[in-house]
Structures are given as structure tokens and as C-alpha cells.
Amino acid sequence: MAKILIAEDEKDIRELIAFTLEFGGFDVITAINGQEAVELARQHRPDLIILDVRMPKMTGYEACRVLKSQEETRAIPVVFLSAKGQESEIRQGMEAGADAYILKPFAPDELIQQVHMILSRHSAR
């Protein structure tokens, strides 16, 4: 079972994403900000990390840069899940090292499908 770390500061959204992914058969770990996500990624070595962009303490972009700069977390695929869909926001996320950028609102079955695609793409490397 793939382990997914979700970092989202809004409790309702975090719980919805966690429920959706658990329903899809994934093991889920949650963080309330980017700083906690970096710490949990080091401890748990998830198969995939999903980050919100706007979070307290450390933004998703900052967390992604830190994760991609460290040997133990560099290879973990990172996905941004954000309502910020402007081209400049998406480009900034990809430049920070993300593998994908998914826009909110999302359909639960589409999120599960996207996660499966990203994990299979990553395991094929």
C-alpha cells in the first residue's frame, strides 16, 4: 500500500483529501503546514507528497525546495494541490521541483486516478 503525505492547513480540506485517498486504498499521513510536512517526510519516507501552496510557517513551494534539496527526500514525487491555477503559480510549482500540479476543486475519483498515474510513472523510472 502506497504511503502518501498530505500537507494542507485547512482542516476540512485536509480531511477530505485524506478520506478520499484512504478510500482509494492509500496509507495517509497528514501535516498542517510545510514545515511539518518536511519533518514527516524525513521520518516516514512516503511514496508521494501532496502539498497545498499557501500554508503557514513554510509555503508549499518552500517545502518542495527543501524536500528536493535533501538526499533522503529528493526522489519522492511532489504534487501541488491548489486553487491557485494561474500559469505563473503552476510554473513556480514546477520550478520548485513538483511532478504535477492539480487544481482545486477536484473530483475525488480524479484525484485517486492522478495519484495512481503519478506513482506508476515514478516507479517506472
Protein backbone atom coordinates (compact mmCIF):
# COMPACT_ATOMS: atom_id res chain seq x y z
CA MET A 1 0.00 0.00 0.00
CA ALA A 2 1.48 3.33 -1.06
CA LYS A 3 2.04 5.89 1.68
CA ILE A 4 1.00 9.48 0.90
CA LEU A 5 1.84 12.58 2.92
CA ILE A 6 -0.68 15.43 2.65
CA ALA A 7 0.16 18.97 3.79
CA GLU A 8 -2.88 21.24 3.95
CA ASP A 9 -3.56 23.92 6.55
CA GLU A 10 -7.36 23.93 6.17
CA LYS A 11 -8.71 21.10 8.35
CA ASP A 12 -11.82 20.33 6.27
CA ILE A 13 -9.86 20.12 3.02
CA ARG A 14 -7.08 18.06 4.65
CA GLU A 15 -9.67 15.60 5.99
CA LEU A 16 -11.45 15.40 2.63
CA ILE A 17 -8.20 14.65 0.79
CA ALA A 18 -7.18 12.08 3.44
CA PHE A 19 -10.60 10.38 3.32
CA THR A 20 -10.55 10.32 -0.48
CA LEU A 21 -7.10 8.74 -0.63
CA GLU A 22 -7.79 6.27 2.18
CA PHE A 23 -10.95 5.22 0.30
CA GLY A 24 -8.70 4.75 -2.74
CA GLY A 25 -6.56 2.28 -0.77
CA PHE A 26 -3.66 4.51 0.27
CA ASP A 27 -1.99 4.87 3.65
CA VAL A 28 -2.21 8.58 4.56
CA ILE A 29 -0.14 10.84 6.82
CA THR A 30 -1.24 14.45 7.33
CA ALA A 31 0.60 17.67 8.12
CA ILE A 32 -0.84 21.10 8.87
CA ASN A 33 1.93 23.17 7.26
CA GLY A 34 5.02 22.94 5.07
CA GLN A 35 7.46 22.74 7.96
CA GLU A 36 5.65 19.76 9.48
CA ALA A 37 5.49 18.14 6.02
CA VAL A 38 9.28 18.31 5.67
CA GLU A 39 9.75 16.76 9.13
CA LEU A 40 7.20 13.99 8.49
CA ALA A 41 8.67 13.24 5.07
CA ARG A 42 12.06 12.63 6.68
CA GLN A 43 10.53 10.37 9.34
CA HIS A 44 8.11 8.35 7.21
CA ARG A 45 9.60 8.41 3.69
CA PRO A 46 6.22 8.50 1.89
CA ASP A 47 5.79 7.33 -1.70
CA LEU A 48 4.18 10.66 -2.66
CA ILE A 49 3.78 14.10 -1.09
CA ILE A 50 0.80 16.36 -1.80
CA LEU A 51 1.31 20.00 -0.82
CA ASP A 52 -1.01 22.97 -0.66
CA VAL A 53 0.67 26.14 -1.90
CA ARG A 54 -0.40 28.68 0.75
CA MET A 55 0.38 27.42 4.26
CA PRO A 56 1.72 28.98 7.46
CA LYS A 57 5.32 28.56 8.66
CA MET A 58 6.52 27.35 5.25
CA THR A 59 4.73 27.55 1.91
CA GLY A 60 4.33 24.53 -0.31
CA TYR A 61 6.90 25.98 -2.70
CA GLU A 62 9.43 26.39 0.11
CA ALA A 63 8.71 22.90 1.44
CA CYS A 64 9.14 21.41 -2.03
CA ARG A 65 12.51 23.14 -2.47
CA VAL A 66 13.70 21.82 0.91
CA LEU A 67 12.47 18.29 0.13
CA LYS A 68 14.19 18.30 -3.28
CA SER A 69 17.44 19.61 -1.78
CA GLN A 70 17.81 16.77 0.73
CA GLU A 71 19.22 13.40 -0.20
CA GLU A 72 16.69 11.34 1.79
CA THR A 73 13.61 13.05 0.29
CA ARG A 74 14.85 14.16 -3.15
CA ALA A 75 13.39 11.20 -5.06
CA ILE A 76 9.89 11.41 -3.55
CA PRO A 77 7.43 12.80 -6.10
CA VAL A 78 5.72 16.03 -5.03
CA VAL A 79 2.31 17.20 -6.23
CA PHE A 80 0.77 20.59 -5.60
CA LEU A 81 -2.96 20.64 -4.96
CA SER A 82 -4.04 24.26 -5.06
CA ALA A 83 -6.81 26.66 -6.00
CA LYS A 84 -4.09 28.92 -7.42
CA GLY A 85 -4.30 27.99 -11.10
CA GLN A 86 -2.59 30.91 -12.80
CA GLU A 87 0.15 29.91 -15.21
CA SER A 88 2.78 31.73 -13.11
CA GLU A 89 1.73 29.77 -10.00
CA ILE A 90 1.90 26.45 -11.84
CA ARG A 91 5.29 27.35 -13.33
CA GLN A 92 6.59 28.32 -9.88
CA GLY A 93 5.47 24.96 -8.50
CA MET A 94 7.11 23.02 -11.30
CA GLU A 95 10.32 25.06 -10.94
CA ALA A 96 10.35 24.21 -7.21
CA GLY A 97 10.57 20.55 -8.24
CA ALA A 98 6.96 19.33 -8.36
CA ASP A 99 5.98 16.38 -10.54
CA ALA A 100 2.42 17.61 -11.03
CA TYR A 101 0.03 20.44 -10.20
CA ILE A 102 -3.62 19.57 -9.52
CA LEU A 103 -6.24 22.28 -9.22
CA LYS A 104 -8.90 22.57 -6.53
CA PRO A 105 -11.74 21.85 -6.53
CA PHE A 106 -11.07 18.26 -7.52
CA ALA A 107 -13.31 15.28 -8.11
CA PRO A 108 -12.37 12.50 -5.66
CA ASP A 109 -12.14 9.80 -8.33
CA GLU A 110 -9.94 12.08 -10.49
CA LEU A 111 -7.59 12.69 -7.55
CA ILE A 112 -7.24 8.95 -6.94
CA GLN A 113 -6.62 8.38 -10.66
CA GLN A 114 -3.99 11.17 -10.79
CA VAL A 115 -2.20 9.75 -7.75
CA HIS A 116 -2.13 6.26 -9.32
CA MET A 117 -0.72 7.72 -12.57
CA ILE A 118 1.99 9.70 -10.78
CA LEU A 119 3.02 6.71 -8.66
CA SER A 120 3.16 4.38 -11.67
CA ARG A 121 5.15 6.93 -13.67
CA HIS A 122 7.55 7.37 -10.79
CA SER A 123 8.03 3.63 -10.20
CA ALA A 124 8.79 3.15 -13.89
CA ARG A 125 11.90 5.34 -13.56
